[in-house]
Structures are given as structure tokens and as C-alpha cells.
Amino acid sequence: MNEHFTAYLETRRTIPAAQLGEPGPDAETLTRILNIAVRVPDHGKLAPWRFLVYDASSRREAVTWLQRRAALEDNPSEAGRRANKAQIFGDAPLVVGVVSAPVSHPKIPLWEQQLSSGAVCLNLVHAASALGFCAQWLTGWYAYDTEARTYLGLDAGEQIAGFIHIGTPKLPPAERDRPDVEDLTTHWIAPKDA
């Protein structure tokens, strides 16, 4: 049994992107993180995902564009909220977009491919943490805005599974309440009249 790994999983915490600072992973470490991230269930070996890496300069440009896009919102309150959310894109030293890029297949449903993309996101978070960084998995309004998705590098038919913000924590993580698994668990019994 790997007690170190188990202890990590039992205490893993998300650090908000605003609390992630330098340093972020260098190019070699990022490659290692991405190689770990793709070690997920992938029915049919389709690799129905890809990565978009946003470094410091590209994130600054993205924040500027996203804030301009947010200002086009008719509702001033919503425009302000969107502009604030756009700023988050620039907080951490590195952002990796995990793109769900489904492959048409007669036997492998879209849903399974999307779940695989989600598994990539979580593996990416775990890999960053295992290598001494912290990460936050976010989406944001721009993951659902057609023009923003195009601007951020997505092709038609693709979706953002997550933007993974990676950096070094400025503050220690705080614990939070977790759901009681007993409340979420049912031990199934076959119906007698089936």
C-alpha cells in the first residue's frame, strides 16, 4: 500500500487561482504533468481531448480580450461579473485548457469520451500537486461563449472540459466540509419481482 499517495488523496485541497503565484511549472515539468494527465480511461484509445497552454503573455492578451467581450453584455451587473471572472484567467502563472474533442465512433458514446476528458482534468490537477504545485479546475462563462471559445483556440464541436490554473500557493489551503459518503451510498439489492 502507498500511504503517501493515500494521505495525499485524503487531504487534497483546491487553492483558488487568485492565490496561486510564481513559480509555475517550467516547460520540462509541464510536459511531465501533461504525460501524467493523459493516463486515464480512454475507451477505444481515441484520445478525445487535447491541451491548450496559456503562458504569461498569452494569458494577458486573453484577459484583455475577455474583458472587452464581457463589456458587450447588456446587463451592467452581469458585464461586471463577467469582467471579474475574466481577470481570474490571468491570476495563476500557467493555465492549461483541457479541450473535449470527441471522435465520431459507432461503438463509443460521446458521454464516455466527455468523461475521459474530465478524468484528464483531474489527473492534471493531481500531477501538478504531486510535483509541488497547486491547481484549480475552473470553467467560467468564456467556456460557454461561442466567440470566446473560438478566440481561446477551440474548434467547432469542441468544448472546454476545464481550465486548469497552476502555480505555487501563496497561502496554505483551508479545509472544508466534505459530504458524508453514507448519505451518498446505496447498496443495491435486486428487486424480488424482476
Protein backbone atom coordinates (compact mmCIF):
# COMPACT_ATOMS: atom_id res chain seq x y z
CA MET A 1 0.00 0.00 0.00
CA ASN A 2 1.23 3.51 -0.81
CA GLU A 3 0.44 5.51 2.35
CA HIS A 4 1.95 8.70 0.94
CA PHE A 5 -0.40 8.62 -2.06
CA THR A 6 -3.40 7.71 0.08
CA ALA A 7 -2.64 10.56 2.51
CA TYR A 8 -2.39 12.97 -0.43
CA LEU A 9 -5.79 11.88 -1.79
CA GLU A 10 -7.38 12.17 1.66
CA THR A 11 -6.11 15.73 2.15
CA ARG A 12 -6.09 17.20 -1.37
CA ARG A 13 -7.41 20.74 -1.46
CA THR A 14 -8.00 23.26 -4.20
CA ILE A 15 -6.24 26.61 -3.94
CA PRO A 16 -8.14 29.43 -5.70
CA ALA A 17 -6.37 30.72 -8.82
CA ALA A 18 -6.09 34.19 -7.23
CA GLN A 19 -3.90 32.62 -4.51
CA LEU A 20 -1.52 30.90 -6.95
CA GLY A 21 1.74 32.71 -7.66
CA GLU A 22 5.15 32.11 -9.15
CA PRO A 23 6.80 29.87 -9.82
CA GLY A 24 4.71 27.81 -12.15
CA PRO A 25 6.00 24.70 -13.86
CA ASP A 26 8.81 25.07 -16.38
CA ALA A 27 8.50 23.50 -19.85
CA GLU A 28 10.02 20.16 -18.83
CA THR A 29 7.79 19.88 -15.75
CA LEU A 30 4.72 20.86 -17.77
CA THR A 31 5.48 18.07 -20.25
CA ARG A 32 5.70 15.64 -17.36
CA ILE A 33 2.38 16.92 -15.95
CA LEU A 34 0.67 16.50 -19.33
CA ASN A 35 2.09 12.99 -19.77
CA ILE A 36 0.63 12.04 -16.40
CA ALA A 37 -2.68 13.74 -17.25
CA VAL A 38 -3.33 11.51 -20.26
CA ARG A 39 -3.03 8.28 -18.25
CA VAL A 40 -6.81 7.95 -17.97
CA PRO A 41 -9.53 5.52 -19.01
CA ASP A 42 -9.95 6.02 -22.76
CA HIS A 43 -12.35 3.51 -24.31
CA GLY A 44 -11.11 2.67 -27.81
CA LYS A 45 -7.87 4.64 -27.36
CA LEU A 46 -9.47 7.62 -29.11
CA ALA A 47 -7.66 10.33 -27.09
CA PRO A 48 -10.78 12.54 -27.37
CA TRP A 49 -9.08 15.54 -25.76
CA ARG A 50 -6.25 17.95 -26.34
CA PHE A 51 -4.43 20.71 -24.47
CA LEU A 52 -4.21 24.46 -24.93
CA VAL A 53 -1.37 26.04 -22.91
CA TYR A 54 -1.69 29.70 -21.96
CA ASP A 55 1.57 31.23 -20.71
CA ALA A 56 2.02 34.68 -19.16
CA SER A 57 1.87 36.77 -22.33
CA SER A 58 -0.99 34.84 -23.92
CA ARG A 59 -2.98 35.00 -20.66
CA ARG A 60 -2.59 38.79 -20.51
CA GLU A 61 -3.87 39.09 -24.08
CA ALA A 62 -6.73 36.71 -23.29
CA VAL A 63 -7.77 38.69 -20.20
CA THR A 64 -7.86 41.92 -22.22
CA TRP A 65 -9.95 40.31 -24.97
CA LEU A 66 -12.29 38.57 -22.50
CA GLN A 67 -12.88 41.81 -20.59
CA ARG A 68 -13.78 43.58 -23.85
CA ARG A 69 -16.13 40.69 -24.65
CA ALA A 70 -17.66 40.92 -21.16
CA ALA A 71 -18.35 44.63 -21.68
CA LEU A 72 -20.67 43.74 -24.58
CA GLU A 73 -23.13 42.16 -22.11
CA ASP A 74 -26.34 44.23 -21.98
CA ASN A 75 -26.86 43.83 -18.24
CA PRO A 76 -24.26 46.04 -16.42
CA SER A 77 -24.26 43.79 -13.36
CA GLU A 78 -23.61 40.70 -15.49
CA ALA A 79 -20.96 42.57 -17.51
CA GLY A 80 -19.13 43.40 -14.27
CA ARG A 81 -19.36 39.82 -13.05
CA ARG A 82 -18.02 38.53 -16.37
CA ALA A 83 -15.15 41.05 -16.36
CA ASN A 84 -14.17 39.90 -12.85
CA LYS A 85 -14.30 36.26 -13.92
CA ALA A 86 -12.16 37.10 -16.96
CA GLN A 87 -9.49 38.54 -14.65
CA ILE A 88 -9.14 35.13 -12.97
CA PHE A 89 -7.70 33.84 -16.26
CA GLY A 90 -4.62 35.96 -15.59
CA ASP A 91 -4.04 35.14 -11.93
CA ALA A 92 -2.02 31.89 -11.91
CA PRO A 93 1.38 31.58 -13.64
CA LEU A 94 0.06 28.97 -16.07
CA VAL A 95 -3.32 27.87 -17.40
CA VAL A 96 -3.87 24.64 -19.30
CA GLY A 97 -7.12 24.29 -21.20
CA VAL A 98 -8.32 20.71 -21.44
CA VAL A 99 -10.40 20.51 -24.60
CA SER A 100 -13.00 17.80 -25.04
CA ALA A 101 -12.52 16.88 -28.71
CA PRO A 102 -14.88 13.97 -29.33
CA VAL A 103 -14.22 11.50 -32.11
CA SER A 104 -17.13 10.05 -34.08
CA HIS A 105 -17.25 6.33 -33.34
CA PRO A 106 -20.00 3.75 -33.87
CA LYS A 107 -19.41 1.97 -30.54
CA ILE A 108 -18.03 4.60 -28.17
CA PRO A 109 -20.61 7.13 -26.98
CA LEU A 110 -19.94 10.84 -26.67
CA TRP A 111 -20.66 10.67 -22.93
CA GLU A 112 -17.78 8.24 -22.33
CA GLN A 113 -15.43 10.50 -24.29
CA GLN A 114 -16.51 13.52 -22.22
CA LEU A 115 -15.95 11.58 -19.00
CA SER A 116 -12.46 10.74 -20.23
CA SER A 117 -11.81 14.48 -20.71
CA GLY A 118 -12.91 15.09 -17.13
CA ALA A 119 -10.54 12.38 -15.96
CA VAL A 120 -7.72 14.18 -17.80
CA CYS A 121 -8.59 17.36 -15.88
CA LEU A 122 -8.43 15.63 -12.51
CA ASN A 123 -5.22 13.79 -13.40
CA LEU A 124 -3.71 17.12 -14.42
CA VAL A 125 -4.64 18.61 -11.02
CA HIS A 126 -3.16 15.58 -9.23
CA ALA A 127 0.03 15.65 -11.33
CA ALA A 128 0.60 19.35 -10.65
CA SER A 129 0.09 18.77 -6.93
CA ALA A 130 2.35 15.71 -6.87
CA LEU A 131 5.12 17.81 -8.43
CA GLY A 132 4.90 20.52 -5.77
CA PHE A 133 2.40 22.93 -7.31
CA CYS A 134 -1.27 23.55 -6.65
CA ALA A 135 -4.02 23.74 -9.23
CA GLN A 136 -7.62 24.86 -9.59
CA TRP A 137 -10.03 23.39 -12.16
CA LEU A 138 -12.36 26.09 -13.47
CA THR A 139 -14.51 26.80 -16.49
CA GLY A 140 -16.06 30.29 -16.41
CA TRP A 141 -18.54 31.99 -18.72
CA TYR A 142 -15.99 32.05 -21.54
CA ALA A 143 -16.04 28.24 -21.68
CA TYR A 144 -19.67 28.51 -22.86
CA ASP A 145 -19.48 31.64 -25.02
CA THR A 146 -19.10 30.69 -28.70
CA GLU A 147 -16.92 33.67 -29.68
CA ALA A 148 -14.74 33.32 -26.59
CA ARG A 149 -14.23 29.60 -27.23
CA THR A 150 -13.13 30.36 -30.79
CA TYR A 151 -10.80 33.14 -29.58
CA LEU A 152 -9.27 30.81 -26.98
CA GLY A 153 -8.43 28.20 -29.63
CA LEU A 154 -11.32 25.74 -29.75
CA ASP A 155 -12.59 24.27 -32.99
CA ALA A 156 -16.21 23.61 -33.91
CA GLY A 157 -17.63 20.67 -31.96
CA GLU A 158 -15.12 21.04 -29.13
CA GLN A 159 -15.82 22.10 -25.55
CA ILE A 160 -13.74 23.14 -22.60
CA ALA A 161 -13.62 20.36 -20.02
CA GLY A 162 -11.67 22.68 -17.77
CA PHE A 163 -9.13 25.44 -17.47
CA ILE A 164 -6.52 24.16 -15.01
CA HIS A 165 -4.77 27.07 -13.26
CA ILE A 166 -1.36 26.02 -11.92
CA GLY A 167 1.09 27.77 -9.61
CA THR A 168 2.62 27.90 -6.16
CA PRO A 169 0.21 28.60 -3.29
CA LYS A 170 0.55 32.00 -1.60
CA LEU A 171 -1.40 30.71 1.42
CA PRO A 172 -1.86 27.27 2.95
CA PRO A 173 -5.06 25.53 1.87
CA ALA A 174 -8.02 25.65 4.23
CA GLU A 175 -10.02 22.51 4.89
CA ARG A 176 -13.72 22.49 4.12
CA ASP A 177 -16.64 20.26 4.95
CA ARG A 178 -17.00 17.21 2.74
CA PRO A 179 -20.15 15.24 2.00
CA ASP A 180 -20.90 12.23 4.16
CA VAL A 181 -20.43 9.24 1.86
CA GLU A 182 -23.00 7.27 3.87
CA ASP A 183 -25.63 9.77 2.66
CA LEU A 184 -24.50 9.23 -0.93
CA THR A 185 -24.20 5.45 -0.93
CA THR A 186 -26.85 2.82 -1.61
CA HIS A 187 -26.05 -0.87 -1.53
CA TRP A 188 -28.19 -2.12 -4.38
CA ILE A 189 -30.34 -5.22 -3.96
CA ALA A 190 -32.02 -6.86 -6.93
CA PRO A 191 -35.80 -6.34 -6.97
CA LYS A 192 -37.61 -9.52 -5.96
CA ASP A 193 -40.29 -9.13 -8.64
CA ALA A 194 -37.85 -8.67 -11.54
